[in-house]
Amino acid sequence: MKIGCENIDRLVNVSIRSPGMPRGAMTELYDAAKGENAISYDIVQSLLAKPSARIAIFTGASVPNHLPNGENDGPMGSAVLGRALEKLGYAVTIFTEREVLESQRAFSRILGSDVTIEELQRDPSDQHARIAREFDIGITVEKAGGNREGLLHSINANVRTGTRANIDALIAALNAAGKLTVGIGDGGNEIGFGKVYDKAREILPYGDTIVTVVATEYLYPVAISNWGAYALAAGLAMGAERSDLTVTPEEERAMLEKAMELDCRDGGTGRADFAVDGVSGASSMAYVQLLREIVTATLTPYSRDF
């Protein structure tokens, strides 16, 4: 499994995004966040050590006029990871913005998942405090965190405060209680990158402005956030010896097509394209297939006799 996780972590950091978006930097930040093992391995081992835990997954990003129903990077990954955890017996709830709820529910239906999905309130609230009390694990997928001034930003330094939920205090409460927290991100502005704050601020465009100070126990820097969530589902598949936990290329196609139908847009272009973070849907489907190949190779005994 360790080798399998090393391979999926290499795959998840193949940077093929368009110019104008961070390319290559996530590999450097992955190395900064990494311990002795592949990051996915450590996350999966920590999850599997807490069977039946209550897990909250946080995702969703909307921008009036540009991403009015949110972007497809984050919610799709959350649906896949939520299904994998649900199949392993965890009590999973996905929390997302009001604008993203329809798409989030549609993605889970496509996957045949019964994961609970709830609206995430915009500002720190009684709901946030309740989540911090009641859940054992918090996982963020493409969820912006505040910078030194507490402001949320896009990767190109546009202010996003007020357009989406601020859960900085919620994550801080989970951390303070010693609960497991995981941040998956691809730009440095997402929750978790506070773990490598100085390095991220140094190497990322607009680093002084965009990089969040919010840290998580595990940070998983990846080329595209959906792919990071898919990779963790693949890691769980290897760790639990359950190949059914992975997402299929056909499911990826169906989710991307549904996102277009619901105007849940590609965050790279701001259009309802068959793409994620500016990368073609065909490439994302191929990535999913490679992930499945790694899982299959890891779980299939084989002895070459020639």
C-alpha atoms as a PDB file:
ATOM      1  CA  MET A   1       0.000   0.000   0.000  1.00  0.00           C
ATOM      2  CA  LYS A   2       2.836   2.433   0.763  1.00  0.00           C
ATOM      3  CA  ILE A   3       4.148   2.181  -2.785  1.00  0.00           C
ATOM      4  CA  GLY A   4       0.620   2.553  -4.156  1.00  0.00           C
ATOM      5  CA  CYS A   5       0.137   5.759  -2.165  1.00  0.00           C
ATOM      6  CA  GLU A   6       3.487   7.103  -3.335  1.00  0.00           C
ATOM      7  CA  ASN A   7       2.365   6.518  -6.905  1.00  0.00           C
ATOM      8  CA  ILE A   8      -1.031   8.191  -6.504  1.00  0.00           C
ATOM      9  CA  ASP A   9       0.645  11.179  -4.860  1.00  0.00           C
ATOM     10  CA  ARG A  10       2.989  11.538  -7.826  1.00  0.00           C
ATOM     11  CA  LEU A  11       0.014  11.274 -10.167  1.00  0.00           C
ATOM     12  CA  VAL A  12      -2.088  13.773  -8.255  1.00  0.00           C
ATOM     13  CA  ASN A  13       0.629  16.392  -8.633  1.00  0.00           C
ATOM     14  CA  VAL A  14       1.037  16.172 -12.395  1.00  0.00           C
ATOM     15  CA  SER A  15       0.397  19.823 -13.186  1.00  0.00           C
ATOM     16  CA  ILE A  16      -1.329  20.349 -16.539  1.00  0.00           C
ATOM     17  CA  ARG A  17      -3.416  23.406 -15.775  1.00  0.00           C
ATOM     18  CA  SER A  18      -3.575  26.485 -17.941  1.00  0.00           C
ATOM     19  CA  PRO A  19      -1.196  29.453 -17.629  1.00  0.00           C
ATOM     20  CA  GLY A  20      -2.466  31.933 -15.074  1.00  0.00           C
ATOM     21  CA  MET A  21      -3.100  29.165 -12.547  1.00  0.00           C
ATOM     22  CA  PRO A  22      -0.479  27.727 -10.159  1.00  0.00           C
ATOM     23  CA  ARG A  23       1.565  25.099 -11.996  1.00  0.00           C
ATOM     24  CA  GLY A  24       4.402  23.181 -10.401  1.00  0.00           C
ATOM     25  CA  ALA A  25       4.188  24.987  -7.079  1.00  0.00           C
ATOM     26  CA  MET A  26       1.996  22.308  -5.528  1.00  0.00           C
ATOM     27  CA  THR A  27       4.767  19.728  -5.963  1.00  0.00           C
ATOM     28  CA  GLU A  28       7.111  21.941  -3.967  1.00  0.00           C
ATOM     29  CA  LEU A  29       4.476  22.532  -1.308  1.00  0.00           C
ATOM     30  CA  TYR A  30       3.670  18.814  -1.233  1.00  0.00           C
ATOM     31  CA  ASP A  31       7.329  18.144  -0.403  1.00  0.00           C
ATOM     32  CA  ALA A  32       7.194  20.790   2.336  1.00  0.00           C
ATOM     33  CA  ALA A  33       4.084  19.214   3.882  1.00  0.00           C
ATOM     34  CA  LYS A  34       5.252  15.608   3.572  1.00  0.00           C
ATOM     35  CA  GLY A  35       6.574  13.554   6.461  1.00  0.00           C
ATOM     36  CA  GLU A  36       8.299  10.199   6.194  1.00  0.00           C
ATOM     37  CA  ASN A  37       5.488   8.624   4.175  1.00  0.00           C
ATOM     38  CA  ALA A  38       3.355   9.658   1.234  1.00  0.00           C
ATOM     39  CA  ILE A  39       0.786  12.157   2.519  1.00  0.00           C
ATOM     40  CA  SER A  40      -2.132  10.085   1.241  1.00  0.00           C
ATOM     41  CA  TYR A  41      -0.795   7.069   3.142  1.00  0.00           C
ATOM     42  CA  ASP A  42      -0.677   8.962   6.429  1.00  0.00           C
ATOM     43  CA  ILE A  43      -4.166  10.394   5.910  1.00  0.00           C
ATOM     44  CA  VAL A  44      -5.650   7.017   5.031  1.00  0.00           C
ATOM     45  CA  GLN A  45      -4.006   5.324   8.001  1.00  0.00           C
ATOM     46  CA  SER A  46      -5.356   8.030  10.314  1.00  0.00           C
ATOM     47  CA  LEU A  47      -8.862   7.622   8.885  1.00  0.00           C
ATOM     48  CA  LEU A  48      -8.834   3.837   9.098  1.00  0.00           C
ATOM     49  CA  ALA A  49      -7.688   4.078  12.718  1.00  0.00           C
ATOM     50  CA  LYS A  50     -10.991   5.831  13.559  1.00  0.00           C
ATOM     51  CA  PRO A  51     -13.725   3.409  12.407  1.00  0.00           C
ATOM     52  CA  SER A  52     -17.324   4.650  12.630  1.00  0.00           C
ATOM     53  CA  ALA A  53     -16.189   8.233  13.235  1.00  0.00           C
ATOM     54  CA  ARG A  54     -18.478  11.130  12.336  1.00  0.00           C
ATOM     55  CA  ILE A  55     -16.880  12.934   9.393  1.00  0.00           C
ATOM     56  CA  ALA A  56     -17.735  16.396   8.103  1.00  0.00           C
ATOM     57  CA  ILE A  57     -16.622  17.266   4.578  1.00  0.00           C
ATOM     58  CA  PHE A  58     -16.633  20.958   3.644  1.00  0.00           C
ATOM     59  CA  THR A  59     -16.650  22.202   0.056  1.00  0.00           C
ATOM     60  CA  GLY A  60     -18.193  24.731  -2.289  1.00  0.00           C
ATOM     61  CA  ALA A  61     -17.204  28.044  -3.826  1.00  0.00           C
ATOM     62  CA  SER A  62     -19.524  30.499  -5.526  1.00  0.00           C
ATOM     63  CA  VAL A  63     -18.799  33.868  -7.107  1.00  0.00           C
ATOM     64  CA  PRO A  64     -21.680  36.116  -8.195  1.00  0.00           C
ATOM     65  CA  ASN A  65     -21.734  36.549 -11.999  1.00  0.00           C
ATOM     66  CA  HIS A  66     -18.745  34.222 -12.532  1.00  0.00           C
ATOM     67  CA  LEU A  67     -19.621  31.034 -10.612  1.00  0.00           C
ATOM     68  CA  PRO A  68     -23.242  31.663  -9.589  1.00  0.00           C
ATOM     69  CA  ASN A  69     -23.890  27.969  -8.878  1.00  0.00           C
ATOM     70  CA  GLY A  70     -20.370  27.247  -7.722  1.00  0.00           C
ATOM     71  CA  GLU A  71     -17.529  25.426  -9.446  1.00  0.00           C
ATOM     72  CA  ASN A  72     -17.248  21.723 -10.116  1.00  0.00           C
ATOM     73  CA  ASP A  73     -13.830  21.372  -8.470  1.00  0.00           C
ATOM     74  CA  GLY A  74     -14.482  20.438  -4.851  1.00  0.00           C
ATOM     75  CA  PRO A  75     -18.086  19.197  -4.870  1.00  0.00           C
ATOM     76  CA  MET A  76     -17.353  16.305  -7.249  1.00  0.00           C
ATOM     77  CA  GLY A  77     -14.357  15.216  -5.189  1.00  0.00           C
ATOM     78  CA  SER A  78     -16.352  15.526  -1.989  1.00  0.00           C
ATOM     79  CA  ALA A  79     -19.073  13.287  -3.396  1.00  0.00           C
ATOM     80  CA  VAL A  80     -16.531  10.594  -4.329  1.00  0.00           C
ATOM     81  CA  LEU A  81     -14.665  10.745  -1.022  1.00  0.00           C
ATOM     82  CA  GLY A  82     -17.950  10.856   0.903  1.00  0.00           C
ATOM     83  CA  ARG A  83     -19.178   7.731  -0.843  1.00  0.00           C
ATOM     84  CA  ALA A  84     -15.936   5.856  -0.109  1.00  0.00           C
ATOM     85  CA  LEU A  85     -16.106   6.751   3.577  1.00  0.00           C
ATOM     86  CA  GLU A  86     -19.815   5.940   3.732  1.00  0.00           C
ATOM     87  CA  LYS A  87     -19.151   2.465   2.285  1.00  0.00           C
ATOM     88  CA  LEU A  88     -16.588   1.906   5.038  1.00  0.00           C
ATOM     89  CA  GLY A  89     -19.184   2.606   7.722  1.00  0.00           C
ATOM     90  CA  TYR A  90     -18.418   6.221   8.601  1.00  0.00           C
ATOM     91  CA  ALA A  91     -21.229   8.673   9.312  1.00  0.00           C
ATOM     92  CA  VAL A  92     -20.556  11.320   6.669  1.00  0.00           C
ATOM     93  CA  THR A  93     -22.116  14.729   6.126  1.00  0.00           C
ATOM     94  CA  ILE A  94     -21.113  17.041   3.289  1.00  0.00           C
ATOM     95  CA  PHE A  95     -21.577  20.724   4.105  1.00  0.00           C
ATOM     96  CA  THR A  96     -21.689  23.161   1.211  1.00  0.00           C
ATOM     97  CA  GLU A  97     -23.014  26.551   0.175  1.00  0.00           C
ATOM     98  CA  ARG A  98     -26.660  27.110  -0.708  1.00  0.00           C
ATOM     99  CA  GLU A  99     -25.705  27.819  -4.338  1.00  0.00           C
ATOM    100  CA  VAL A 100     -23.977  24.437  -4.664  1.00  0.00           C
ATOM    101  CA  LEU A 101     -26.548  22.216  -2.944  1.00  0.00           C
ATOM    102  CA  GLU A 102     -28.384  21.128  -6.100  1.00  0.00           C
ATOM    103  CA  SER A 103     -25.173  20.065  -7.825  1.00  0.00           C
ATOM    104  CA  GLN A 104     -23.790  18.391  -4.713  1.00  0.00           C
ATOM    105  CA  ARG A 105     -26.920  16.293  -4.350  1.00  0.00           C
ATOM    106  CA  ALA A 106     -26.904  15.449  -8.055  1.00  0.00           C
ATOM    107  CA  PHE A 107     -23.293  14.216  -7.909  1.00  0.00           C
ATOM    108  CA  SER A 108     -24.107  11.936  -4.983  1.00  0.00           C
ATOM    109  CA  ARG A 109     -27.136  10.548  -6.824  1.00  0.00           C
ATOM    110  CA  ILE A 110     -24.968   9.740  -9.826  1.00  0.00           C
ATOM    111  CA  LEU A 111     -22.636   7.826  -7.507  1.00  0.00           C
ATOM    112  CA  GLY A 112     -25.502   5.999  -5.788  1.00  0.00           C
ATOM    113  CA  SER A 113     -24.509   7.575  -2.482  1.00  0.00           C
ATOM    114  CA  ASP A 114     -26.832   8.336   0.427  1.00  0.00           C
ATOM    115  CA  VAL A 115     -24.400  10.671   2.181  1.00  0.00           C
ATOM    116  CA  THR A 116     -26.167  13.443   4.113  1.00  0.00           C
ATOM    117  CA  ILE A 117     -25.785  16.869   2.486  1.00  0.00           C
ATOM    118  CA  GLU A 118     -26.497  20.072   4.407  1.00  0.00           C
ATOM    119  CA  GLU A 119     -26.338  23.783   3.666  1.00  0.00           C
ATOM    120  CA  LEU A 120     -23.299  25.445   5.222  1.00  0.00           C
ATOM    121  CA  GLN A 121     -24.120  28.817   6.723  1.00  0.00           C
ATOM    122  CA  ARG A 122     -22.120  31.788   5.481  1.00  0.00           C
ATOM    123  CA  ASP A 123     -20.702  33.244   8.677  1.00  0.00           C
ATOM    124  CA  PRO A 124     -19.444  31.772  11.958  1.00  0.00           C
ATOM    125  CA  SER A 125     -22.619  30.639  13.675  1.00  0.00           C
ATOM    126  CA  ASP A 126     -24.244  28.227  16.090  1.00  0.00           C
ATOM    127  CA  GLN A 127     -24.201  25.716  13.235  1.00  0.00           C
ATOM    128  CA  HIS A 128     -20.420  25.970  12.957  1.00  0.00           C
ATOM    129  CA  ALA A 129     -19.999  25.533  16.718  1.00  0.00           C
ATOM    130  CA  ARG A 130     -22.308  22.501  16.660  1.00  0.00           C
ATOM    131  CA  ILE A 131     -20.342  20.877  13.851  1.00  0.00           C
ATOM    132  CA  ALA A 132     -17.095  21.368  15.749  1.00  0.00           C
ATOM    133  CA  ARG A 133     -18.632  19.702  18.806  1.00  0.00           C
ATOM    134  CA  GLU A 134     -20.423  16.814  17.151  1.00  0.00           C
ATOM    135  CA  PHE A 135     -17.998  15.654  14.456  1.00  0.00           C
ATOM    136  CA  ASP A 136     -14.787  13.720  15.009  1.00  0.00           C
ATOM    137  CA  ILE A 137     -13.047  14.515  11.716  1.00  0.00           C
ATOM    138  CA  GLY A 138     -13.107  17.512   9.388  1.00  0.00           C
ATOM    139  CA  ILE A 139     -12.014  17.335   5.747  1.00  0.00           C
ATOM    140  CA  THR A 140     -11.973  20.372   3.466  1.00  0.00           C
ATOM    141  CA  VAL A 141     -11.918  20.047  -0.321  1.00  0.00           C
ATOM    142  CA  GLU A 142     -11.200  23.263  -2.239  1.00  0.00           C
ATOM    143  CA  LYS A 143     -12.416  25.431   0.658  1.00  0.00           C
ATOM    144  CA  ALA A 144     -10.921  28.895   0.990  1.00  0.00           C
ATOM    145  CA  GLY A 145      -9.376  29.967   4.286  1.00  0.00           C
ATOM    146  CA  GLY A 146      -8.602  33.413   5.619  1.00  0.00           C
ATOM    147  CA  ASN A 147      -5.289  35.200   5.143  1.00  0.00           C
ATOM    148  CA  ARG A 148      -3.495  37.182   7.878  1.00  0.00           C
ATOM    149  CA  GLU A 149      -6.373  39.675   7.872  1.00  0.00           C
ATOM    150  CA  GLY A 150      -9.003  36.942   7.872  1.00  0.00           C
ATOM    151  CA  LEU A 151     -10.019  37.649   4.263  1.00  0.00           C
ATOM    152  CA  LEU A 152     -10.788  34.939   1.709  1.00  0.00           C
ATOM    153  CA  HIS A 153      -9.265  35.246  -1.761  1.00  0.00           C
ATOM    154  CA  SER A 154      -9.144  33.574  -5.156  1.00  0.00           C
ATOM    155  CA  ILE A 155      -5.785  32.352  -6.459  1.00  0.00           C
ATOM    156  CA  ASN A 156      -5.369  35.608  -8.381  1.00  0.00           C
ATOM    157  CA  ALA A 157      -6.041  37.783  -5.327  1.00  0.00           C
ATOM    158  CA  ASN A 158      -9.701  38.666  -5.856  1.00  0.00           C
ATOM    159  CA  VAL A 159     -11.493  39.044  -2.530  1.00  0.00           C
ATOM    160  CA  ARG A 160     -14.044  36.296  -1.924  1.00  0.00           C
ATOM    161  CA  THR A 161     -15.102  37.247   1.602  1.00  0.00           C
ATOM    162  CA  GLY A 162     -18.895  37.331   1.797  1.00  0.00           C
ATOM    163  CA  THR A 163     -19.421  35.152  -1.277  1.00  0.00           C
ATOM    164  CA  ARG A 164     -18.902  31.851   0.569  1.00  0.00           C
ATOM    165  CA  ALA A 165     -18.778  30.358   4.049  1.00  0.00           C
ATOM    166  CA  ASN A 166     -15.924  31.273   6.368  1.00  0.00           C
ATOM    167  CA  ILE A 167     -15.164  28.192   8.490  1.00  0.00           C
ATOM    168  CA  ASP A 168     -11.794  29.275   9.861  1.00  0.00           C
ATOM    169  CA  ALA A 169     -13.050  29.249  13.460  1.00  0.00           C
ATOM    170  CA  LEU A 170     -14.712  25.869  12.959  1.00  0.00           C
ATOM    171  CA  ILE A 171     -11.445  24.286  11.782  1.00  0.00           C
ATOM    172  CA  ALA A 172      -9.568  25.987  14.610  1.00  0.00           C
ATOM    173  CA  ALA A 173     -12.026  24.474  17.101  1.00  0.00           C
ATOM    174  CA  LEU A 174     -11.548  20.986  15.641  1.00  0.00           C
ATOM    175  CA  ASN A 175      -7.774  21.434  15.832  1.00  0.00           C
ATOM    176  CA  ALA A 176      -7.938  22.704  19.409  1.00  0.00           C
ATOM    177  CA  ALA A 177      -9.982  19.666  20.425  1.00  0.00           C
ATOM    178  CA  GLY A 178      -7.330  17.344  19.006  1.00  0.00           C
ATOM    179  CA  LYS A 179      -9.633  16.075  16.259  1.00  0.00           C
ATOM    180  CA  LEU A 180      -8.339  14.919  12.878  1.00  0.00           C
ATOM    181  CA  THR A 181      -8.385  17.622  10.213  1.00  0.00           C
ATOM    182  CA  VAL A 182      -7.398  17.292   6.545  1.00  0.00           C
ATOM    183  CA  GLY A 183      -7.091  20.084   3.991  1.00  0.00           C
ATOM    184  CA  ILE A 184      -7.096  19.345   0.255  1.00  0.00           C
ATOM    185  CA  GLY A 185      -6.208  22.251  -2.011  1.00  0.00           C
ATOM    186  CA  ASP A 186      -4.544  23.268  -5.250  1.00  0.00           C
ATOM    187  CA  GLY A 187      -3.852  26.981  -4.949  1.00  0.00           C
ATOM    188  CA  GLY A 188      -2.560  27.965  -1.520  1.00  0.00           C
ATOM    189  CA  ASN A 189      -5.676  29.955  -0.658  1.00  0.00           C
ATOM    190  CA  GLU A 190      -7.470  26.866   0.671  1.00  0.00           C
ATOM    191  CA  ILE A 191      -7.765  25.722   4.264  1.00  0.00           C
ATOM    192  CA  GLY A 192      -4.741  23.677   5.258  1.00  0.00           C
ATOM    193  CA  PHE A 193      -1.989  25.714   3.618  1.00  0.00           C
ATOM    194  CA  GLY A 194      -1.323  27.485   6.896  1.00  0.00           C
ATOM    195  CA  LYS A 195       0.738  24.360   7.622  1.00  0.00           C
ATOM    196  CA  VAL A 196       3.310  25.558   5.055  1.00  0.00           C
ATOM    197  CA  TYR A 197       2.459  29.249   5.259  1.00  0.00           C
ATOM    198  CA  ASP A 198       5.946  30.747   4.891  1.00  0.00           C
ATOM    199  CA  LYS A 199       6.895  28.528   1.959  1.00  0.00           C
ATOM    200  CA  ALA A 200       3.563  29.055   0.193  1.00  0.00           C
ATOM    201  CA  ARG A 201       3.730  32.815   0.650  1.00  0.00           C
ATOM    202  CA  GLU A 202       7.248  32.792  -0.808  1.00  0.00           C
ATOM    203  CA  ILE A 203       6.628  30.774  -3.980  1.00  0.00           C
ATOM    204  CA  LEU A 204       3.023  31.457  -4.987  1.00  0.00           C
ATOM    205  CA  PRO A 205       1.890  34.400  -7.138  1.00  0.00           C
ATOM    206  CA  TYR A 206       0.138  36.934  -4.869  1.00  0.00           C
ATOM    207  CA  GLY A 207       1.403  34.844  -1.947  1.00  0.00           C
ATOM    208  CA  ASP A 208       1.353  37.733   0.526  1.00  0.00           C
ATOM    209  CA  THR A 209      -2.339  38.233  -0.171  1.00  0.00           C
ATOM    210  CA  ILE A 210      -3.888  34.861  -0.903  1.00  0.00           C
ATOM    211  CA  VAL A 211      -2.177  32.287   1.292  1.00  0.00           C
ATOM    212  CA  THR A 212      -4.295  31.200   4.220  1.00  0.00           C
ATOM    213  CA  VAL A 213      -3.016  31.027   7.780  1.00  0.00           C
ATOM    214  CA  VAL A 214      -5.477  28.220   8.579  1.00  0.00           C
ATOM    215  CA  ALA A 215      -3.648  24.936   9.133  1.00  0.00           C
ATOM    216  CA  THR A 216      -4.895  21.358   9.330  1.00  0.00           C
ATOM    217  CA  GLU A 217      -3.233  18.298  10.831  1.00  0.00           C
ATOM    218  CA  TYR A 218      -2.681  16.991   7.309  1.00  0.00           C
ATOM    219  CA  LEU A 219      -2.324  19.201   4.251  1.00  0.00           C
ATOM    220  CA  TYR A 220      -2.655  17.493   0.858  1.00  0.00           C
ATOM    221  CA  PRO A 221      -1.396  19.857  -1.884  1.00  0.00           C
ATOM    222  CA  VAL A 222      -2.507  18.604  -5.294  1.00  0.00           C
ATOM    223  CA  ALA A 223      -2.775  19.753  -8.908  1.00  0.00           C
ATOM    224  CA  ILE A 224      -6.599  19.793  -8.814  1.00  0.00           C
ATOM    225  CA  SER A 225      -8.605  19.421  -5.609  1.00  0.00           C
ATOM    226  CA  ASN A 226     -11.076  16.880  -7.033  1.00  0.00           C
ATOM    227  CA  TRP A 227      -8.138  14.671  -7.912  1.00  0.00           C
ATOM    228  CA  GLY A 228      -6.858  14.858  -4.343  1.00  0.00           C
ATOM    229  CA  ALA A 229     -10.206  13.639  -3.035  1.00  0.00           C
ATOM    230  CA  TYR A 230     -10.261  10.891  -5.669  1.00  0.00           C
ATOM    231  CA  ALA A 231      -6.741   9.907  -4.613  1.00  0.00           C
ATOM    232  CA  LEU A 232      -7.784   9.569  -0.978  1.00  0.00           C
ATOM    233  CA  ALA A 233     -10.694   7.360  -2.052  1.00  0.00           C
ATOM    234  CA  ALA A 234      -8.143   5.262  -3.963  1.00  0.00           C
ATOM    235  CA  GLY A 235      -5.907   5.145  -0.895  1.00  0.00           C
ATOM    236  CA  LEU A 236      -8.836   3.946   1.193  1.00  0.00           C
ATOM    237  CA  ALA A 237      -9.531   1.321  -1.474  1.00  0.00           C
ATOM    238  CA  MET A 238      -6.001   0.002  -1.090  1.00  0.00           C
ATOM    239  CA  GLY A 239      -5.972   0.237   2.693  1.00  0.00           C
ATOM    240  CA  ALA A 240      -9.334  -1.482   3.105  1.00  0.00           C
ATOM    241  CA  GLU A 241      -8.811  -3.796   0.104  1.00  0.00           C
ATOM    242  CA  ARG A 242     -12.039  -2.493  -1.419  1.00  0.00           C
ATOM    243  CA  SER A 243     -11.616  -1.638  -5.098  1.00  0.00           C
ATOM    244  CA  ASP A 244     -15.269  -0.529  -5.220  1.00  0.00           C
ATOM    245  CA  LEU A 245     -14.347   2.654  -3.354  1.00  0.00           C
ATOM    246  CA  THR A 246     -12.764   4.280  -6.409  1.00  0.00           C
ATOM    247  CA  VAL A 247     -14.495   6.521  -8.918  1.00  0.00           C
ATOM    248  CA  THR A 248     -14.859   5.283 -12.509  1.00  0.00           C
ATOM    249  CA  PRO A 249     -14.243   7.230 -15.724  1.00  0.00           C
ATOM    250  CA  GLU A 250     -17.931   6.783 -16.576  1.00  0.00           C
ATOM    251  CA  GLU A 251     -18.928   8.347 -13.253  1.00  0.00           C
ATOM    252  CA  GLU A 252     -16.504  11.213 -13.866  1.00  0.00           C
ATOM    253  CA  ARG A 253     -18.077  11.845 -17.265  1.00  0.00           C
ATOM    254  CA  ALA A 254     -21.583  11.740 -15.813  1.00  0.00           C
ATOM    255  CA  MET A 255     -20.706  14.207 -13.039  1.00  0.00           C
ATOM    256  CA  LEU A 256     -19.024  16.625 -15.450  1.00  0.00           C
ATOM    257  CA  GLU A 257     -22.019  16.475 -17.784  1.00  0.00           C
ATOM    258  CA  LYS A 258     -24.412  17.044 -14.894  1.00  0.00           C
ATOM    259  CA  ALA A 259     -22.317  20.006 -13.758  1.00  0.00           C
ATOM    260  CA  MET A 260     -22.688  21.549 -17.207  1.00  0.00           C
ATOM    261  CA  GLU A 261     -26.440  20.962 -17.132  1.00  0.00           C
ATOM    262  CA  LEU A 262     -26.736  22.669 -13.727  1.00  0.00           C
ATOM    263  CA  ASP A 263     -24.319  25.505 -14.611  1.00  0.00           C
ATOM    264  CA  CYS A 264     -21.839  24.381 -11.952  1.00  0.00           C
ATOM    265  CA  ARG A 265     -18.861  25.759 -13.816  1.00  0.00           C
ATOM    266  CA  ASP A 266     -15.274  24.952 -14.606  1.00  0.00           C
ATOM    267  CA  GLY A 267     -13.301  27.157 -12.219  1.00  0.00           C
ATOM    268  CA  GLY A 268     -10.472  27.585 -14.719  1.00  0.00           C
ATOM    269  CA  THR A 269     -12.567  29.296 -17.389  1.00  0.00           C
ATOM    270  CA  GLY A 270     -15.681  30.393 -15.518  1.00  0.00           C
ATOM    271  CA  ARG A 271     -17.773  28.589 -18.139  1.00  0.00           C
ATOM    272  CA  ALA A 272     -20.031  25.540 -18.005  1.00  0.00           C
ATOM    273  CA  ASP A 273     -17.497  23.450 -19.912  1.00  0.00           C
ATOM    274  CA  PHE A 274     -16.691  19.747 -19.963  1.00  0.00           C
ATOM    275  CA  ALA A 275     -13.590  20.510 -17.918  1.00  0.00           C
ATOM    276  CA  VAL A 276     -12.272  21.003 -14.384  1.00  0.00           C
ATOM    277  CA  ASP A 277      -9.862  23.804 -13.451  1.00  0.00           C
ATOM    278  CA  GLY A 278      -9.208  24.372 -17.137  1.00  0.00           C
ATOM    279  CA  VAL A 279      -8.262  20.726 -17.770  1.00  0.00           C
ATOM    280  CA  SER A 280     -10.401  18.823 -20.278  1.00  0.00           C
ATOM    281  CA  GLY A 281     -12.937  16.326 -19.033  1.00  0.00           C
ATOM    282  CA  ALA A 282     -11.284  13.654 -21.178  1.00  0.00           C
ATOM    283  CA  SER A 283      -8.004  14.222 -19.320  1.00  0.00           C
ATOM    284  CA  SER A 284      -9.751  13.997 -15.956  1.00  0.00           C
ATOM    285  CA  MET A 285     -11.399  10.745 -17.016  1.00  0.00           C
ATOM    286  CA  ALA A 286      -7.978   9.399 -18.026  1.00  0.00           C
ATOM    287  CA  TYR A 287      -6.593  10.447 -14.654  1.00  0.00           C
ATOM    288  CA  VAL A 288      -9.374   8.527 -12.918  1.00  0.00           C
ATOM    289  CA  GLN A 289      -8.526   5.443 -14.977  1.00  0.00           C
ATOM    290  CA  LEU A 290      -4.865   5.678 -13.985  1.00  0.00           C
ATOM    291  CA  LEU A 291      -5.871   5.887 -10.329  1.00  0.00           C
ATOM    292  CA  ARG A 292      -7.940   2.730 -10.732  1.00  0.00           C
ATOM    293  CA  GLU A 293      -5.016   0.980 -12.421  1.00  0.00           C
ATOM    294  CA  ILE A 294      -2.781   1.772  -9.443  1.00  0.00           C
ATOM    295  CA  VAL A 295      -5.383   0.380  -7.043  1.00  0.00           C
ATOM    296  CA  THR A 296      -5.886  -2.754  -9.133  1.00  0.00           C
ATOM    297  CA  ALA A 297      -2.152  -3.365  -9.425  1.00  0.00           C
ATOM    298  CA  THR A 298      -1.729  -2.926  -5.674  1.00  0.00           C
ATOM    299  CA  LEU A 299      -4.540  -5.319  -4.773  1.00  0.00           C
ATOM    300  CA  THR A 300      -3.873  -8.023  -7.380  1.00  0.00           C
ATOM    301  CA  PRO A 301      -1.320 -10.722  -6.434  1.00  0.00           C
ATOM    302  CA  TYR A 302       0.988 -11.421  -9.341  1.00  0.00           C
ATOM    303  CA  SER A 303       4.124 -13.441  -9.863  1.00  0.00           C
ATOM    304  CA  ARG A 304       5.972 -13.200 -13.153  1.00  0.00           C
ATOM    305  CA  ASP A 305       7.451 -16.577 -14.024  1.00  0.00           C
ATOM    306  CA  PHE A 306       9.432 -15.673 -17.124  1.00  0.00           C
END
